[in-house]
N, C-alpha and C. Protein backbone atom coordinates (compact mmCIF):
# COMPACT_ATOMS: atom_id res chain seq x y z
N MET A 1 148.61 196.40 27.52
CA MET A 1 148.68 195.43 28.68
C MET A 1 150.09 194.48 28.55
N PRO A 2 150.38 194.72 29.77
CA PRO A 2 151.64 194.10 29.59
C PRO A 2 151.79 192.36 29.40
N GLU A 3 152.94 191.77 28.08
CA GLU A 3 152.98 190.60 27.72
C GLU A 3 153.29 189.80 29.00
N LEU A 4 152.76 188.59 28.99
CA LEU A 4 152.91 187.63 29.82
C LEU A 4 154.17 186.61 29.15
N SER A 5 153.48 185.83 27.80
CA SER A 5 153.68 184.84 27.08
C SER A 5 153.19 184.90 25.82
N ARG A 6 153.88 184.14 24.76
CA ARG A 6 153.30 184.64 23.27
C ARG A 6 154.02 182.98 22.65
N PHE A 7 153.28 182.01 21.98
CA PHE A 7 153.59 181.00 21.47
C PHE A 7 152.25 180.74 20.68
N ASN A 8 152.46 180.28 19.16
CA ASN A 8 151.93 179.39 18.71
C ASN A 8 150.55 180.46 18.40
N GLY A 9 150.90 181.46 18.16
CA GLY A 9 150.09 182.81 17.74
C GLY A 9 149.05 183.17 18.77
N ILE A 10 149.47 182.81 20.13
CA ILE A 10 148.08 182.98 21.44
C ILE A 10 149.84 183.84 21.89
N VAL A 11 148.98 185.13 22.38
CA VAL A 11 149.38 186.08 23.17
C VAL A 11 148.66 186.16 24.41
N ILE A 12 149.50 185.98 25.64
CA ILE A 12 149.14 185.92 27.28
C ILE A 12 149.47 187.20 27.56
N SER A 13 148.44 187.90 28.37
CA SER A 13 148.66 189.07 28.91
C SER A 13 148.03 189.12 30.61
N MET A 14 148.46 189.88 31.08
CA MET A 14 148.06 190.08 32.67
C MET A 14 148.20 191.29 32.98
N LEU A 15 146.86 192.16 33.36
CA LEU A 15 146.79 193.51 33.88
C LEU A 15 147.26 193.53 35.07
N PHE A 16 147.96 194.85 35.42
CA PHE A 16 147.87 195.26 36.98
C PHE A 16 147.00 195.51 37.41
N LYS A 17 146.76 195.43 38.67
CA LYS A 17 145.67 195.41 39.75
C LYS A 17 143.87 195.08 38.97
N ASP A 18 144.19 194.26 38.54
CA ASP A 18 143.12 193.60 37.31
C ASP A 18 142.03 192.66 38.41
N ILE A 19 141.22 193.29 39.65
CA ILE A 19 140.19 192.45 40.25
C ILE A 19 139.30 192.82 40.66
N LYS A 20 138.63 193.95 39.59
CA LYS A 20 137.57 194.46 39.76
C LYS A 20 136.60 193.83 38.85
N GLN A 21 136.33 193.32 37.56
CA GLN A 21 135.77 192.35 36.96
C GLN A 21 135.69 190.75 37.32
N HIS A 22 136.90 190.63 37.57
CA HIS A 22 136.96 189.14 37.81
C HIS A 22 137.80 188.67 38.98
N ASN A 23 137.39 188.72 40.28
CA ASN A 23 138.20 188.52 41.65
C ASN A 23 139.18 187.04 41.34
N LYS A 24 138.38 186.26 40.67
CA LYS A 24 139.74 184.84 40.58
C LYS A 24 140.91 185.42 39.44
N PRO A 25 142.09 184.61 39.77
CA PRO A 25 143.25 185.08 39.35
C PRO A 25 143.08 184.84 37.62
N HIS A 26 143.66 185.48 36.79
CA HIS A 26 142.83 185.47 35.82
C HIS A 26 144.41 185.72 34.69
N ILE A 27 144.30 185.73 33.28
CA ILE A 27 144.83 186.06 32.26
C ILE A 27 143.92 186.52 31.12
N HIS A 28 144.42 187.55 30.29
CA HIS A 28 143.77 188.02 29.18
C HIS A 28 144.64 187.37 27.90
N VAL A 29 143.90 186.28 26.88
CA VAL A 29 144.45 185.91 25.93
C VAL A 29 143.68 186.64 24.88
N SER A 30 144.87 186.51 23.72
CA SER A 30 144.23 187.05 22.08
C SER A 30 144.90 185.91 21.30
N TYR A 31 144.44 185.67 20.03
CA TYR A 31 144.56 184.25 19.46
C TYR A 31 143.93 185.19 17.99
N ALA A 32 144.62 185.57 16.93
CA ALA A 32 143.87 186.07 15.45
C ALA A 32 142.95 187.14 16.04
N GLU A 33 141.56 187.15 15.65
CA GLU A 33 140.46 187.61 16.39
C GLU A 33 139.92 187.15 17.28
N TYR A 34 140.58 186.45 17.96
CA TYR A 34 139.55 186.05 18.96
C TYR A 34 140.11 186.65 20.42
N GLU A 35 139.64 186.62 21.48
CA GLU A 35 139.91 187.29 22.71
C GLU A 35 139.12 186.64 23.86
N ALA A 36 139.55 186.47 24.76
CA ALA A 36 139.38 185.59 26.15
C ALA A 36 139.96 185.79 27.41
N THR A 37 139.28 186.01 28.46
CA THR A 37 139.79 185.70 29.81
C THR A 37 139.36 184.55 30.45
N VAL A 38 140.45 183.73 30.92
CA VAL A 38 140.41 182.75 31.37
C VAL A 38 141.49 182.51 32.79
N SER A 39 140.58 181.30 33.59
CA SER A 39 141.44 181.88 34.78
C SER A 39 142.63 181.04 35.05
N ILE A 40 143.19 180.90 35.77
CA ILE A 40 144.74 180.26 35.99
C ILE A 40 144.49 178.83 36.03
N ASP A 41 143.27 178.89 36.49
CA ASP A 41 143.05 177.19 36.58
C ASP A 41 142.35 176.73 35.44
N GLY A 42 141.95 177.46 34.44
CA GLY A 42 141.42 176.99 32.89
C GLY A 42 140.40 177.49 32.68
N GLU A 43 139.26 178.23 33.18
CA GLU A 43 138.27 178.02 33.28
C GLU A 43 138.00 179.49 32.76
N LEU A 44 136.86 179.32 31.23
CA LEU A 44 137.27 180.56 30.19
C LEU A 44 136.04 181.42 31.11
N LEU A 45 136.58 182.85 31.57
CA LEU A 45 135.53 183.74 32.08
C LEU A 45 134.93 184.64 31.15
N GLY A 46 135.37 184.61 30.10
CA GLY A 46 134.78 185.53 28.85
C GLY A 46 135.27 185.32 27.37
N GLY A 47 134.38 186.05 26.99
CA GLY A 47 135.43 185.87 25.22
C GLY A 47 135.31 184.29 24.62
N SER A 48 135.91 184.06 23.65
CA SER A 48 136.09 182.80 23.15
C SER A 48 137.08 182.51 22.74
N LEU A 49 137.78 181.52 22.63
CA LEU A 49 138.61 181.10 21.42
C LEU A 49 138.48 179.64 21.00
N PRO A 50 139.35 179.20 19.66
CA PRO A 50 139.08 178.15 19.33
C PRO A 50 139.63 176.83 20.00
N SER A 51 138.59 175.84 19.96
CA SER A 51 138.84 174.74 20.59
C SER A 51 140.50 174.01 20.69
N LYS A 52 141.38 174.26 19.44
CA LYS A 52 142.26 173.66 19.68
C LYS A 52 143.58 174.27 20.46
N GLN A 53 143.40 176.02 20.31
CA GLN A 53 144.12 176.69 20.75
C GLN A 53 143.62 176.85 22.64
N PHE A 54 142.61 176.50 22.76
CA PHE A 54 141.90 176.70 24.13
C PHE A 54 142.54 175.45 24.65
N LYS A 55 142.75 174.41 24.12
CA LYS A 55 143.30 173.02 24.91
C LYS A 55 144.76 173.16 24.99
N LEU A 56 145.16 173.82 23.99
CA LEU A 56 146.76 174.21 24.14
C LEU A 56 147.32 174.90 25.26
N LEU A 57 146.17 176.01 25.61
CA LEU A 57 146.71 177.15 26.51
C LEU A 57 146.17 176.55 28.07
N GLN A 58 145.02 175.65 28.01
CA GLN A 58 145.08 175.04 29.10
C GLN A 58 146.10 174.20 29.52
N ALA A 59 146.60 173.22 28.86
CA ALA A 59 148.07 172.40 28.85
C ALA A 59 149.32 173.37 29.09
N TRP A 60 149.26 174.74 28.53
CA TRP A 60 150.48 175.46 29.23
C TRP A 60 150.02 176.15 30.81
N LEU A 61 148.72 176.37 31.08
CA LEU A 61 148.28 176.74 32.37
C LEU A 61 148.50 175.70 33.11
N ILE A 62 148.15 174.59 33.12
CA ILE A 62 148.88 173.31 33.96
C ILE A 62 150.14 173.27 34.03
N LEU A 63 151.26 173.82 33.26
CA LEU A 63 152.88 173.59 33.16
C LEU A 63 153.54 174.60 34.08
N HIS A 64 152.43 175.84 33.95
CA HIS A 64 153.08 177.00 34.45
C HIS A 64 152.74 177.55 35.62
N GLU A 65 151.57 176.89 36.10
CA GLU A 65 150.67 177.32 37.47
C GLU A 65 151.17 178.10 38.56
N GLU A 66 152.45 177.32 38.97
CA GLU A 66 153.55 178.43 40.21
C GLU A 66 153.47 179.58 39.62
N GLU A 67 154.19 179.61 38.35
CA GLU A 67 154.64 181.08 37.96
C GLU A 67 153.70 181.89 37.71
N LEU A 68 152.59 181.23 37.45
CA LEU A 68 150.89 182.24 36.89
C LEU A 68 150.60 182.89 38.01
N TYR A 69 150.70 182.05 39.27
CA TYR A 69 150.06 182.51 40.58
C TYR A 69 151.23 183.62 41.09
N ALA A 70 152.51 183.42 41.05
CA ALA A 70 153.65 184.52 41.61
C ALA A 70 153.50 185.79 40.50
N ALA A 71 153.02 185.60 39.33
CA ALA A 71 153.31 186.66 38.64
C ALA A 71 151.72 187.70 38.82
N TRP A 72 150.56 186.66 39.30
CA TRP A 72 149.20 187.21 39.38
C TRP A 72 149.38 187.98 40.86
N ASN A 73 150.17 187.08 41.76
CA ASN A 73 150.10 188.05 42.92
C ASN A 73 151.12 189.35 43.23
N ASN A 74 152.06 189.23 42.18
CA ASN A 74 152.70 190.54 41.86
C ASN A 74 151.71 191.51 41.20
N ALA A 75 151.46 191.37 40.23
CA ALA A 75 150.13 192.09 39.55
C ALA A 75 149.18 192.99 40.16
N VAL A 76 148.59 192.09 41.12
CA VAL A 76 147.36 192.81 41.99
C VAL A 76 147.69 193.71 42.77
N GLN A 77 149.44 193.80 43.33
CA GLN A 77 150.02 194.36 43.90
C GLN A 77 150.68 195.68 43.52
N ASN A 78 150.55 195.80 41.90
CA ASN A 78 151.01 196.79 41.01
C ASN A 78 152.45 196.80 41.13
N GLN A 79 153.16 195.61 41.18
CA GLN A 79 154.66 195.02 40.97
C GLN A 79 154.82 194.81 39.70
N PRO A 80 156.04 194.83 39.16
CA PRO A 80 156.70 193.74 37.96
C PRO A 80 156.38 192.23 38.15
N PHE A 81 156.02 191.56 36.69
CA PHE A 81 156.54 190.48 37.00
C PHE A 81 157.20 189.95 35.99
N ASP A 82 157.71 188.56 35.75
CA ASP A 82 158.63 188.23 34.85
C ASP A 82 157.66 187.29 33.77
N LYS A 83 158.49 187.73 32.72
CA LYS A 83 157.76 186.74 31.33
C LYS A 83 157.79 185.27 31.59
N ILE A 84 156.82 184.34 31.07
CA ILE A 84 157.13 183.33 31.31
C ILE A 84 157.16 182.36 29.81
N GLU A 85 158.33 181.34 29.87
CA GLU A 85 158.57 180.88 28.47
C GLU A 85 157.58 180.12 27.88
N PRO A 86 157.62 180.02 26.30
CA PRO A 86 156.17 179.61 25.88
C PRO A 86 156.63 177.66 26.08
N LEU A 87 155.52 176.90 25.43
CA LEU A 87 155.53 176.01 25.03
C LEU A 87 156.79 175.49 24.42
N LYS A 88 157.40 174.10 24.51
CA LYS A 88 158.73 174.11 24.05
C LYS A 88 158.20 172.58 23.35
């Protein structure tokens, strides 16, 4: 799964042509033993994350919304996307 970003132990990935199960633009997130699917607008679509990490992720989503939608548009067309810088 192509990695989009990584920070504070949170790994964010996006799949190419990943529109079969969730039509909503989304990312895949892993943290320790947790895994989740989260829409770019911050909705938990599946799985789970600890509350602290989920709130941190939601803040990151807000900060990088434009970059995330650009990456999503590329990914669904099977085109490469750029990595996104972590929180600083």
